[in-house]
Amino acid sequence: MNAADQAPARGDAIWLTFVPQAGREQAGRRPALVLSPASYNGKVGLALVCPITSKAKGYPFEVALPAGLPIQGVVLADQIRSLDWQARQAETIGPVPVATVEEVMAKVRALLEE
């Protein structure tokens, strides 16, 4: 997927440009996991995503990506962002297993429901 193509879907790992950023937010061109459904992303032009980092620190809101994916690292479930996927030049990496997406969603729910 390039910026002009179809909207990313929930469970897609995508490349995005996380600029601008502030403070402790992830920055630069990096992978992210899409949490919002394609129907929303396509209609609104935004996507809810969590950045992925290769530097695991053992934080409780990290979710490890399973082996065998084109990227490795952890999803930062506590750094949810709503981003314009076209303006940030989204490119699809590939799908993330449903079990991993569900684990991220559970951590997001735990964060919001406290």
PDB file of N, CA and C in Angstrom:
ATOM      1  N   MET A   1       0.845  -1.171   0.000  1.00  0.00           N
ATOM      2  CA  MET A   1       0.000   0.000   0.000  1.00  0.00           C
ATOM      3  C   MET A   1       0.889   1.233   0.000  1.00  0.00           C
ATOM      4  N   ASN A   2       0.622   2.106  -0.894  1.00  0.00           N
ATOM      5  CA  ASN A   2       1.252   3.416  -0.886  1.00  0.00           C
ATOM      6  C   ASN A   2       0.213   4.418  -0.426  1.00  0.00           C
ATOM      7  N   ALA A   3       0.597   5.666  -0.241  1.00  0.00           N
ATOM      8  CA  ALA A   3      -0.307   6.673   0.296  1.00  0.00           C
ATOM      9  C   ALA A   3      -1.596   6.803  -0.506  1.00  0.00           C
ATOM     10  N   ALA A   4      -1.556   6.585  -1.803  1.00  0.00           N
ATOM     11  CA  ALA A   4      -2.735   6.769  -2.642  1.00  0.00           C
ATOM     12  C   ALA A   4      -3.599   5.514  -2.734  1.00  0.00           C
ATOM     13  N   ASP A   5      -3.150   4.391  -2.198  1.00  0.00           N
ATOM     14  CA  ASP A   5      -3.862   3.129  -2.323  1.00  0.00           C
ATOM     15  C   ASP A   5      -4.902   2.958  -1.225  1.00  0.00           C
ATOM     16  N   GLN A   6      -5.400   1.736  -1.092  1.00  0.00           N
ATOM     17  CA  GLN A   6      -6.466   1.467  -0.130  1.00  0.00           C
ATOM     18  C   GLN A   6      -6.015   1.666   1.311  1.00  0.00           C
ATOM     19  N   ALA A   7      -7.008   1.900   2.150  1.00  0.00           N
ATOM     20  CA  ALA A   7      -6.753   2.164   3.563  1.00  0.00           C
ATOM     21  C   ALA A   7      -6.199   0.924   4.262  1.00  0.00           C
ATOM     22  N   PRO A   8      -5.330   1.128   5.242  1.00  0.00           N
ATOM     23  CA  PRO A   8      -4.837  -0.008   6.022  1.00  0.00           C
ATOM     24  C   PRO A   8      -5.968  -0.593   6.864  1.00  0.00           C
ATOM     25  N   ALA A   9      -5.832  -1.857   7.242  1.00  0.00           N
ATOM     26  CA  ALA A   9      -6.856  -2.553   8.020  1.00  0.00           C
ATOM     27  C   ALA A   9      -6.331  -2.922   9.398  1.00  0.00           C
ATOM     28  N   ARG A  10      -7.265  -3.169  10.327  1.00  0.00           N
ATOM     29  CA  ARG A  10      -6.868  -3.638  11.660  1.00  0.00           C
ATOM     30  C   ARG A  10      -5.995  -4.883  11.514  1.00  0.00           C
ATOM     31  N   GLY A  11      -4.879  -4.878  12.220  1.00  0.00           N
ATOM     32  CA  GLY A  11      -3.973  -6.017  12.169  1.00  0.00           C
ATOM     33  C   GLY A  11      -2.850  -5.878  11.165  1.00  0.00           C
ATOM     34  N   ASP A  12      -2.888  -4.828  10.344  1.00  0.00           N
ATOM     35  CA  ASP A  12      -1.789  -4.588   9.404  1.00  0.00           C
ATOM     36  C   ASP A  12      -0.606  -3.963  10.135  1.00  0.00           C
ATOM     37  N   ALA A  13       0.581  -4.433   9.837  1.00  0.00           N
ATOM     38  CA  ALA A  13       1.800  -3.727  10.223  1.00  0.00           C
ATOM     39  C   ALA A  13       2.117  -2.818   9.043  1.00  0.00           C
ATOM     40  N   ILE A  14       2.351  -1.542   9.324  1.00  0.00           N
ATOM     41  CA  ILE A  14       2.625  -0.570   8.266  1.00  0.00           C
ATOM     42  C   ILE A  14       3.827   0.287   8.662  1.00  0.00           C
ATOM     43  N   TRP A  15       4.485   0.837   7.639  1.00  0.00           N
ATOM     44  CA  TRP A  15       5.510   1.850   7.869  1.00  0.00           C
ATOM     45  C   TRP A  15       4.815   3.198   7.877  1.00  0.00           C
ATOM     46  N   LEU A  16       5.169   4.067   8.829  1.00  0.00           N
ATOM     47  CA  LEU A  16       4.633   5.424   8.919  1.00  0.00           C
ATOM     48  C   LEU A  16       5.750   6.380   9.311  1.00  0.00           C
ATOM     49  N   THR A  17       5.564   7.640   8.983  1.00  0.00           N
ATOM     50  CA  THR A  17       6.484   8.683   9.418  1.00  0.00           C
ATOM     51  C   THR A  17       5.900   9.342  10.662  1.00  0.00           C
ATOM     52  N   PHE A  18       6.552   9.158  11.813  1.00  0.00           N
ATOM     53  CA  PHE A  18       6.085   9.706  13.088  1.00  0.00           C
ATOM     54  C   PHE A  18       6.752  11.051  13.361  1.00  0.00           C
ATOM     55  N   VAL A  19       6.578  11.984  12.442  1.00  0.00           N
ATOM     56  CA  VAL A  19       7.134  13.328  12.596  1.00  0.00           C
ATOM     57  C   VAL A  19       6.010  14.302  12.285  1.00  0.00           C
ATOM     58  N   PRO A  20       5.718  15.265  13.100  1.00  0.00           N
ATOM     59  CA  PRO A  20       6.475  15.661  14.288  1.00  0.00           C
ATOM     60  C   PRO A  20       6.154  14.767  15.483  1.00  0.00           C
ATOM     61  N   GLN A  21       7.009  14.852  16.478  1.00  0.00           N
ATOM     62  CA  GLN A  21       6.813  14.159  17.743  1.00  0.00           C
ATOM     63  C   GLN A  21       7.262  15.085  18.850  1.00  0.00           C
ATOM     64  N   ALA A  22       6.906  14.725  20.078  1.00  0.00           N
ATOM     65  CA  ALA A  22       7.308  15.542  21.221  1.00  0.00           C
ATOM     66  C   ALA A  22       7.655  14.636  22.392  1.00  0.00           C
ATOM     67  N   GLY A  23       8.583  15.076  23.193  1.00  0.00           N
ATOM     68  CA  GLY A  23       8.921  14.357  24.418  1.00  0.00           C
ATOM     69  C   GLY A  23       9.324  12.914  24.192  1.00  0.00           C
ATOM     70  N   ARG A  24       8.623  11.994  24.853  1.00  0.00           N
ATOM     71  CA  ARG A  24       8.971  10.570  24.817  1.00  0.00           C
ATOM     72  C   ARG A  24       8.269   9.797  23.712  1.00  0.00           C
ATOM     73  N   GLU A  25       7.543  10.481  22.839  1.00  0.00           N
ATOM     74  CA  GLU A  25       6.866   9.800  21.737  1.00  0.00           C
ATOM     75  C   GLU A  25       7.890   9.213  20.773  1.00  0.00           C
ATOM     76  N   GLN A  26       7.515   8.114  20.142  1.00  0.00           N
ATOM     77  CA  GLN A  26       8.351   7.511  19.109  1.00  0.00           C
ATOM     78  C   GLN A  26       8.421   8.476  17.926  1.00  0.00           C
ATOM     79  N   ALA A  27       9.551   8.499  17.244  1.00  0.00           N
ATOM     80  CA  ALA A  27       9.744   9.444  16.147  1.00  0.00           C
ATOM     81  C   ALA A  27      10.364   8.750  14.946  1.00  0.00           C
ATOM     82  N   GLY A  28      10.358   9.462  13.817  1.00  0.00           N
ATOM     83  CA  GLY A  28      10.994   8.966  12.604  1.00  0.00           C
ATOM     84  C   GLY A  28      10.112   8.013  11.820  1.00  0.00           C
ATOM     85  N   ARG A  29      10.690   7.399  10.809  1.00  0.00           N
ATOM     86  CA  ARG A  29       9.986   6.407   9.982  1.00  0.00           C
ATOM     87  C   ARG A  29      10.106   5.066  10.685  1.00  0.00           C
ATOM     88  N   ARG A  30       8.975   4.503  11.061  1.00  0.00           N
ATOM     89  CA  ARG A  30       9.002   3.273  11.836  1.00  0.00           C
ATOM     90  C   ARG A  30       7.737   2.475  11.596  1.00  0.00           C
ATOM     91  N   PRO A  31       7.768   1.202  11.959  1.00  0.00           N
ATOM     92  CA  PRO A  31       6.572   0.381  11.802  1.00  0.00           C
ATOM     93  C   PRO A  31       5.548   0.676  12.898  1.00  0.00           C
ATOM     94  N   ALA A  32       4.295   0.371  12.580  1.00  0.00           N
ATOM     95  CA  ALA A  32       3.197   0.532  13.533  1.00  0.00           C
ATOM     96  C   ALA A  32       2.161  -0.547  13.265  1.00  0.00           C
ATOM     97  N   LEU A  33       1.377  -0.847  14.282  1.00  0.00           N
ATOM     98  CA  LEU A  33       0.272  -1.792  14.155  1.00  0.00           C
ATOM     99  C   LEU A  33      -1.025  -1.005  14.077  1.00  0.00           C
ATOM    100  N   VAL A  34      -1.832  -1.286  13.060  1.00  0.00           N
ATOM    101  CA  VAL A  34      -3.122  -0.615  12.884  1.00  0.00           C
ATOM    102  C   VAL A  34      -4.157  -1.290  13.781  1.00  0.00           C
ATOM    103  N   LEU A  35      -4.889  -0.477  14.571  1.00  0.00           N
ATOM    104  CA  LEU A  35      -5.927  -0.985  15.461  1.00  0.00           C
ATOM    105  C   LEU A  35      -7.335  -0.704  14.949  1.00  0.00           C
ATOM    106  N   SER A  36      -7.512   0.351  14.196  1.00  0.00           N
ATOM    107  CA  SER A  36      -8.847   0.718  13.709  1.00  0.00           C
ATOM    108  C   SER A  36      -9.168  -0.043  12.428  1.00  0.00           C
ATOM    109  N   PRO A  37     -10.466  -0.272  12.161  1.00  0.00           N
ATOM    110  CA  PRO A  37     -10.852  -1.034  10.969  1.00  0.00           C
ATOM    111  C   PRO A  37     -10.672  -0.238   9.681  1.00  0.00           C
ATOM    112  N   ALA A  38     -10.495  -0.950   8.586  1.00  0.00           N
ATOM    113  CA  ALA A  38     -10.298  -0.319   7.272  1.00  0.00           C
ATOM    114  C   ALA A  38     -11.462   0.587   6.908  1.00  0.00           C
ATOM    115  N   SER A  39     -12.688   0.218   7.300  1.00  0.00           N
ATOM    116  CA  SER A  39     -13.856   1.042   6.963  1.00  0.00           C
ATOM    117  C   SER A  39     -13.722   2.439   7.567  1.00  0.00           C
ATOM    118  N   TYR A  40     -13.265   2.527   8.800  1.00  0.00           N
ATOM    119  CA  TYR A  40     -13.030   3.819   9.449  1.00  0.00           C
ATOM    120  C   TYR A  40     -11.856   4.535   8.795  1.00  0.00           C
ATOM    121  N   ASN A  41     -10.760   3.821   8.630  1.00  0.00           N
ATOM    122  CA  ASN A  41      -9.536   4.422   8.092  1.00  0.00           C
ATOM    123  C   ASN A  41      -9.768   5.018   6.715  1.00  0.00           C
ATOM    124  N   GLY A  42     -10.506   4.299   5.864  1.00  0.00           N
ATOM    125  CA  GLY A  42     -10.768   4.780   4.518  1.00  0.00           C
ATOM    126  C   GLY A  42     -11.707   5.967   4.482  1.00  0.00           C
ATOM    127  N   LYS A  43     -12.729   5.938   5.339  1.00  0.00           N
ATOM    128  CA  LYS A  43     -13.726   7.009   5.337  1.00  0.00           C
ATOM    129  C   LYS A  43     -13.185   8.299   5.932  1.00  0.00           C
ATOM    130  N   VAL A  44     -12.463   8.187   7.036  1.00  0.00           N
ATOM    131  CA  VAL A  44     -11.997   9.363   7.770  1.00  0.00           C
ATOM    132  C   VAL A  44     -10.609   9.821   7.322  1.00  0.00           C
ATOM    133  N   GLY A  45      -9.812   8.891   6.806  1.00  0.00           N
ATOM    134  CA  GLY A  45      -8.449   9.236   6.395  1.00  0.00           C
ATOM    135  C   GLY A  45      -7.445   9.172   7.529  1.00  0.00           C
ATOM    136  N   LEU A  46      -7.909   8.728   8.695  1.00  0.00           N
ATOM    137  CA  LEU A  46      -7.037   8.562   9.852  1.00  0.00           C
ATOM    138  C   LEU A  46      -6.985   7.088  10.212  1.00  0.00           C
ATOM    139  N   ALA A  47      -5.995   6.703  10.988  1.00  0.00           N
ATOM    140  CA  ALA A  47      -5.906   5.339  11.506  1.00  0.00           C
ATOM    141  C   ALA A  47      -5.387   5.399  12.935  1.00  0.00           C
ATOM    142  N   LEU A  48      -5.984   4.591  13.802  1.00  0.00           N
ATOM    143  CA  LEU A  48      -5.462   4.434  15.158  1.00  0.00           C
ATOM    144  C   LEU A  48      -4.356   3.396  15.103  1.00  0.00           C
ATOM    145  N   VAL A  49      -3.172   3.769  15.545  1.00  0.00           N
ATOM    146  CA  VAL A  49      -2.015   2.880  15.459  1.00  0.00           C
ATOM    147  C   VAL A  49      -1.230   2.898  16.763  1.00  0.00           C
ATOM    148  N   CYS A  50      -0.450   1.849  16.946  1.00  0.00           N
ATOM    149  CA  CYS A  50       0.543   1.794  18.026  1.00  0.00           C
ATOM    150  C   CYS A  50       1.896   1.585  17.372  1.00  0.00           C
ATOM    151  N   PRO A  51       2.888   2.376  17.740  1.00  0.00           N
ATOM    152  CA  PRO A  51       4.213   2.197  17.157  1.00  0.00           C
ATOM    153  C   PRO A  51       4.844   0.873  17.576  1.00  0.00           C
ATOM    154  N   ILE A  52       5.757   0.416  16.749  1.00  0.00           N
ATOM    155  CA  ILE A  52       6.526  -0.798  17.009  1.00  0.00           C
ATOM    156  C   ILE A  52       7.987  -0.388  17.134  1.00  0.00           C
ATOM    157  N   THR A  53       8.657  -0.907  18.146  1.00  0.00           N
ATOM    158  CA  THR A  53      10.079  -0.620  18.332  1.00  0.00           C
ATOM    159  C   THR A  53      10.861  -1.926  18.408  1.00  0.00           C
ATOM    160  N   SER A  54      12.104  -1.871  17.996  1.00  0.00           N
ATOM    161  CA  SER A  54      12.968  -3.058  18.078  1.00  0.00           C
ATOM    162  C   SER A  54      13.654  -3.158  19.439  1.00  0.00           C
ATOM    163  N   LYS A  55      13.496  -2.135  20.268  1.00  0.00           N
ATOM    164  CA  LYS A  55      14.183  -2.090  21.565  1.00  0.00           C
ATOM    165  C   LYS A  55      13.208  -2.377  22.710  1.00  0.00           C
ATOM    166  N   ALA A  56      12.999  -3.642  23.002  1.00  0.00           N
ATOM    167  CA  ALA A  56      12.131  -4.031  24.116  1.00  0.00           C
ATOM    168  C   ALA A  56      12.776  -3.639  25.439  1.00  0.00           C
ATOM    169  N   LYS A  57      11.969  -3.085  26.338  1.00  0.00           N
ATOM    170  CA  LYS A  57      12.470  -2.679  27.654  1.00  0.00           C
ATOM    171  C   LYS A  57      11.772  -3.422  28.788  1.00  0.00           C
ATOM    172  N   GLY A  58      10.848  -4.304  28.442  1.00  0.00           N
ATOM    173  CA  GLY A  58      10.152  -5.062  29.470  1.00  0.00           C
ATOM    174  C   GLY A  58       9.005  -4.327  30.125  1.00  0.00           C
ATOM    175  N   TYR A  59       8.521  -3.262  29.513  1.00  0.00           N
ATOM    176  CA  TYR A  59       7.391  -2.518  30.055  1.00  0.00           C
ATOM    177  C   TYR A  59       6.113  -3.348  29.960  1.00  0.00           C
ATOM    178  N   PRO A  60       5.170  -3.147  30.885  1.00  0.00           N
ATOM    179  CA  PRO A  60       3.957  -3.973  30.889  1.00  0.00           C
ATOM    180  C   PRO A  60       3.055  -3.787  29.670  1.00  0.00           C
ATOM    181  N   PHE A  61       3.182  -2.688  28.956  1.00  0.00           N
ATOM    182  CA  PHE A  61       2.320  -2.466  27.794  1.00  0.00           C
ATOM    183  C   PHE A  61       3.001  -2.815  26.474  1.00  0.00           C
ATOM    184  N   GLU A  62       4.132  -3.483  26.520  1.00  0.00           N
ATOM    185  CA  GLU A  62       4.775  -4.002  25.310  1.00  0.00           C
ATOM    186  C   GLU A  62       4.155  -5.351  24.945  1.00  0.00           C
ATOM    187  N   VAL A  63       3.960  -5.562  23.648  1.00  0.00           N
ATOM    188  CA  VAL A  63       3.485  -6.853  23.144  1.00  0.00           C
ATOM    189  C   VAL A  63       4.477  -7.307  22.083  1.00  0.00           C
ATOM    190  N   ALA A  64       5.109  -8.432  22.319  1.00  0.00           N
ATOM    191  CA  ALA A  64       6.125  -8.941  21.394  1.00  0.00           C
ATOM    192  C   ALA A  64       5.493  -9.450  20.106  1.00  0.00           C
ATOM    193  N   LEU A  65       6.126  -9.118  18.987  1.00  0.00           N
ATOM    194  CA  LEU A  65       5.714  -9.685  17.706  1.00  0.00           C
ATOM    195  C   LEU A  65       6.287 -11.094  17.603  1.00  0.00           C
ATOM    196  N   PRO A  66       5.515 -12.028  17.055  1.00  0.00           N
ATOM    197  CA  PRO A  66       6.030 -13.395  16.936  1.00  0.00           C
ATOM    198  C   PRO A  66       7.110 -13.498  15.866  1.00  0.00           C
ATOM    199  N   ALA A  67       7.928 -14.515  15.975  1.00  0.00           N
ATOM    200  CA  ALA A  67       8.968 -14.769  14.970  1.00  0.00           C
ATOM    201  C   ALA A  67       8.313 -15.068  13.627  1.00  0.00           C
ATOM    202  N   GLY A  68       9.053 -14.805  12.565  1.00  0.00           N
ATOM    203  CA  GLY A  68       8.584 -15.126  11.227  1.00  0.00           C
ATOM    204  C   GLY A  68       7.939 -13.976  10.482  1.00  0.00           C
ATOM    205  N   LEU A  69       7.768 -12.832  11.136  1.00  0.00           N
ATOM    206  CA  LEU A  69       7.218 -11.659  10.454  1.00  0.00           C
ATOM    207  C   LEU A  69       8.357 -10.893   9.783  1.00  0.00           C
ATOM    208  N   PRO A  70       8.039 -10.042   8.802  1.00  0.00           N
ATOM    209  CA  PRO A  70       9.085  -9.253   8.142  1.00  0.00           C
ATOM    210  C   PRO A  70       9.775  -8.255   9.076  1.00  0.00           C
ATOM    211  N   ILE A  71       9.135  -7.942  10.206  1.00  0.00           N
ATOM    212  CA  ILE A  71       9.728  -7.043  11.202  1.00  0.00           C
ATOM    213  C   ILE A  71       9.718  -7.749  12.547  1.00  0.00           C
ATOM    214  N   GLN A  72      10.610  -7.345  13.425  1.00  0.00           N
ATOM    215  CA  GLN A  72      10.669  -7.885  14.781  1.00  0.00           C
ATOM    216  C   GLN A  72      10.616  -6.728  15.763  1.00  0.00           C
ATOM    217  N   GLY A  73      10.208  -7.026  16.979  1.00  0.00           N
ATOM    218  CA  GLY A  73      10.162  -6.003  18.007  1.00  0.00           C
ATOM    219  C   GLY A  73       8.937  -6.149  18.868  1.00  0.00           C
ATOM    220  N   VAL A  74       8.562  -5.041  19.515  1.00  0.00           N
ATOM    221  CA  VAL A  74       7.393  -5.023  20.383  1.00  0.00           C
ATOM    222  C   VAL A  74       6.477  -3.869  19.994  1.00  0.00           C
ATOM    223  N   VAL A  75       5.181  -4.124  20.122  1.00  0.00           N
ATOM    224  CA  VAL A  75       4.168  -3.089  19.911  1.00  0.00           C
ATOM    225  C   VAL A  75       4.034  -2.327  21.221  1.00  0.00           C
ATOM    226  N   LEU A  76       4.052  -1.009  21.145  1.00  0.00           N
ATOM    227  CA  LEU A  76       3.912  -0.162  22.331  1.00  0.00           C
ATOM    228  C   LEU A  76       2.437   0.202  22.487  1.00  0.00           C
ATOM    229  N   ALA A  77       1.695  -0.653  23.203  1.00  0.00           N
ATOM    230  CA  ALA A  77       0.242  -0.525  23.293  1.00  0.00           C
ATOM    231  C   ALA A  77      -0.207   0.712  24.063  1.00  0.00           C
ATOM    232  N   ASP A  78       0.686   1.348  24.789  1.00  0.00           N
ATOM    233  CA  ASP A  78       0.319   2.556  25.533  1.00  0.00           C
ATOM    234  C   ASP A  78       0.669   3.843  24.784  1.00  0.00           C
ATOM    235  N   GLN A  79       1.074   3.725  23.528  1.00  0.00           N
ATOM    236  CA  GLN A  79       1.396   4.918  22.732  1.00  0.00           C
ATOM    237  C   GLN A  79       0.478   5.026  21.517  1.00  0.00           C
ATOM    238  N   ILE A  80      -0.817   4.902  21.751  1.00  0.00           N
ATOM    239  CA  ILE A  80      -1.815   4.959  20.680  1.00  0.00           C
ATOM    240  C   ILE A  80      -1.793   6.345  20.043  1.00  0.00           C
ATOM    241  N   ARG A  81      -1.829   6.349  18.716  1.00  0.00           N
ATOM    242  CA  ARG A  81      -1.873   7.617  17.971  1.00  0.00           C
ATOM    243  C   ARG A  81      -2.951   7.538  16.906  1.00  0.00           C
ATOM    244  N   SER A  82      -3.598   8.643  16.630  1.00  0.00           N
ATOM    245  CA  SER A  82      -4.517   8.763  15.506  1.00  0.00           C
ATOM    246  C   SER A  82      -3.799   9.605  14.468  1.00  0.00           C
ATOM    247  N   LEU A  83      -3.470   8.976  13.332  1.00  0.00           N
ATOM    248  CA  LEU A  83      -2.624   9.638  12.339  1.00  0.00           C
ATOM    249  C   LEU A  83      -3.243   9.592  10.954  1.00  0.00           C
ATOM    250  N   ASP A  84      -2.957  10.612  10.165  1.00  0.00           N
ATOM    251  CA  ASP A  84      -3.357  10.652   8.758  1.00  0.00           C
ATOM    252  C   ASP A  84      -2.421   9.721   7.995  1.00  0.00           C
ATOM    253  N   TRP A  85      -2.927   8.541   7.657  1.00  0.00           N
ATOM    254  CA  TRP A  85      -2.069   7.510   7.064  1.00  0.00           C
ATOM    255  C   TRP A  85      -1.582   7.887   5.675  1.00  0.00           C
ATOM    256  N   GLN A  86      -2.330   8.707   4.943  1.00  0.00           N
ATOM    257  CA  GLN A  86      -1.864   9.125   3.615  1.00  0.00           C
ATOM    258  C   GLN A  86      -0.766  10.175   3.732  1.00  0.00           C
ATOM    259  N   ALA A  87      -0.979  11.179   4.579  1.00  0.00           N
ATOM    260  CA  ALA A  87       0.020  12.240   4.749  1.00  0.00           C
ATOM    261  C   ALA A  87       1.318  11.692   5.336  1.00  0.00           C
ATOM    262  N   ARG A  88       1.202  10.620   6.115  1.00  0.00           N
ATOM    263  CA  ARG A  88       2.385  10.031   6.742  1.00  0.00           C
ATOM    264  C   ARG A  88       2.951   8.870   5.934  1.00  0.00           C
ATOM    265  N   GLN A  89       2.530   8.785   4.673  1.00  0.00           N
ATOM    266  CA  GLN A  89       3.116   7.873   3.677  1.00  0.00           C
ATOM    267  C   GLN A  89       3.110   6.417   4.137  1.00  0.00           C
ATOM    268  N   ALA A  90       1.912   5.920   4.499  1.00  0.00           N
ATOM    269  CA  ALA A  90       1.782   4.537   4.959  1.00  0.00           C
ATOM    270  C   ALA A  90       2.141   3.546   3.860  1.00  0.00           C
ATOM    271  N   GLU A  91       2.894   2.532   4.237  1.00  0.00           N
ATOM    272  CA  GLU A  91       3.230   1.411   3.351  1.00  0.00           C
ATOM    273  C   GLU A  91       3.014   0.122   4.129  1.00  0.00           C
ATOM    274  N   THR A  92       2.294  -0.815   3.528  1.00  0.00           N
ATOM    275  CA  THR A  92       2.006  -2.074   4.200  1.00  0.00           C
ATOM    276  C   THR A  92       3.248  -2.945   4.302  1.00  0.00           C
ATOM    277  N   ILE A  93       3.463  -3.494   5.492  1.00  0.00           N
ATOM    278  CA  ILE A  93       4.506  -4.491   5.719  1.00  0.00           C
ATOM    279  C   ILE A  93       3.885  -5.874   5.593  1.00  0.00           C
ATOM    280  N   GLY A  94       2.754  -6.063   6.247  1.00  0.00           N
ATOM    281  CA  GLY A  94       2.046  -7.338   6.205  1.00  0.00           C
ATOM    282  C   GLY A  94       1.156  -7.505   7.415  1.00  0.00           C
ATOM    283  N   PRO A  95       0.376  -8.579   7.434  1.00  0.00           N
ATOM    284  CA  PRO A  95      -0.536  -8.805   8.559  1.00  0.00           C
ATOM    285  C   PRO A  95       0.189  -9.339   9.793  1.00  0.00           C
ATOM    286  N   VAL A  96      -0.337  -8.969  10.942  1.00  0.00           N
ATOM    287  CA  VAL A  96       0.139  -9.474  12.231  1.00  0.00           C
ATOM    288  C   VAL A  96      -0.879 -10.518  12.690  1.00  0.00           C
ATOM    289  N   PRO A  97      -0.441 -11.621  13.286  1.00  0.00           N
ATOM    290  CA  PRO A  97      -1.385 -12.656  13.717  1.00  0.00           C
ATOM    291  C   PRO A  97      -2.494 -12.108  14.626  1.00  0.00           C
ATOM    292  N   VAL A  98      -3.688 -12.654  14.460  1.00  0.00           N
ATOM    293  CA  VAL A  98      -4.862 -12.211  15.215  1.00  0.00           C
ATOM    294  C   VAL A  98      -4.607 -12.265  16.722  1.00  0.00           C
ATOM    295  N   ALA A  99      -3.965 -13.303  17.206  1.00  0.00           N
ATOM    296  CA  ALA A  99      -3.712 -13.428  18.648  1.00  0.00           C
ATOM    297  C   ALA A  99      -2.871 -12.261  19.168  1.00  0.00           C
ATOM    298  N   THR A 100      -1.923 -11.800  18.378  1.00  0.00           N
ATOM    299  CA  THR A 100      -1.083 -10.667  18.778  1.00  0.00           C
ATOM    300  C   THR A 100      -1.899  -9.384  18.795  1.00  0.00           C
ATOM    301  N   VAL A 101      -2.724  -9.194  17.766  1.00  0.00           N
ATOM    302  CA  VAL A 101      -3.591  -8.005  17.707  1.00  0.00           C
ATOM    303  C   VAL A 101      -4.537  -8.002  18.906  1.00  0.00           C
ATOM    304  N   GLU A 102      -5.112  -9.152  19.228  1.00  0.00           N
ATOM    305  CA  GLU A 102      -6.026  -9.243  20.371  1.00  0.00           C
ATOM    306  C   GLU A 102      -5.314  -8.926  21.683  1.00  0.00           C
ATOM    307  N   GLU A 103      -4.062  -9.337  21.813  1.00  0.00           N
ATOM    308  CA  GLU A 103      -3.296  -9.016  23.021  1.00  0.00           C
ATOM    309  C   GLU A 103      -3.065  -7.511  23.137  1.00  0.00           C
ATOM    310  N   VAL A 104      -2.752  -6.867  22.016  1.00  0.00           N
ATOM    311  CA  VAL A 104      -2.575  -5.408  22.017  1.00  0.00           C
ATOM    312  C   VAL A 104      -3.890  -4.729  22.386  1.00  0.00           C
ATOM    313  N   MET A 105      -4.991  -5.167  21.772  1.00  0.00           N
ATOM    314  CA  MET A 105      -6.298  -4.565  22.052  1.00  0.00           C
ATOM    315  C   MET A 105      -6.663  -4.736  23.532  1.00  0.00           C
ATOM    316  N   ALA A 106      -6.344  -5.872  24.123  1.00  0.00           N
ATOM    317  CA  ALA A 106      -6.631  -6.105  25.543  1.00  0.00           C
ATOM    318  C   ALA A 106      -5.845  -5.134  26.420  1.00  0.00           C
ATOM    319  N   LYS A 107      -4.598  -4.868  26.062  1.00  0.00           N
ATOM    320  CA  LYS A 107      -3.785  -3.926  26.839  1.00  0.00           C
ATOM    321  C   LYS A 107      -4.310  -2.501  26.687  1.00  0.00           C
ATOM    322  N   VAL A 108      -4.766  -2.153  25.488  1.00  0.00           N
ATOM    323  CA  VAL A 108      -5.361  -0.829  25.269  1.00  0.00           C
ATOM    324  C   VAL A 108      -6.626  -0.696  26.118  1.00  0.00           C
ATOM    325  N   ARG A 109      -7.480  -1.721  26.093  1.00  0.00           N
ATOM    326  CA  ARG A 109      -8.703  -1.690  26.911  1.00  0.00           C
ATOM    327  C   ARG A 109      -8.359  -1.537  28.394  1.00  0.00           C
ATOM    328  N   ALA A 110      -7.372  -2.278  28.864  1.00  0.00           N
ATOM    329  CA  ALA A 110      -6.967  -2.187  30.271  1.00  0.00           C
ATOM    330  C   ALA A 110      -6.513  -0.773  30.614  1.00  0.00           C
ATOM    331  N   LEU A 111      -5.822  -0.149  29.706  1.00  0.00           N
ATOM    332  CA  LEU A 111      -5.339   1.212  29.913  1.00  0.00           C
ATOM    333  C   LEU A 111      -6.500   2.202  29.996  1.00  0.00           C
ATOM    334  N   LEU A 112      -7.518   2.006  29.169  1.00  0.00           N
ATOM    335  CA  LEU A 112      -8.643   2.939  29.100  1.00  0.00           C
ATOM    336  C   LEU A 112      -9.707   2.690  30.166  1.00  0.00           C
ATOM    337  N   GLU A 113      -9.817   1.460  30.639  1.00  0.00           N
ATOM    338  CA  GLU A 113     -10.893   1.121  31.568  1.00  0.00           C
ATOM    339  C   GLU A 113     -10.522   1.265  33.032  1.00  0.00           C
ATOM    340  N   GLU A 114      -9.309   1.460  33.357  1.00  0.00           N
ATOM    341  CA  GLU A 114      -8.795   1.521  34.728  1.00  0.00           C
ATOM    342  C   GLU A 114      -9.767   2.042  35.696  1.00  0.00           C
TER     343      GLU A 114
END
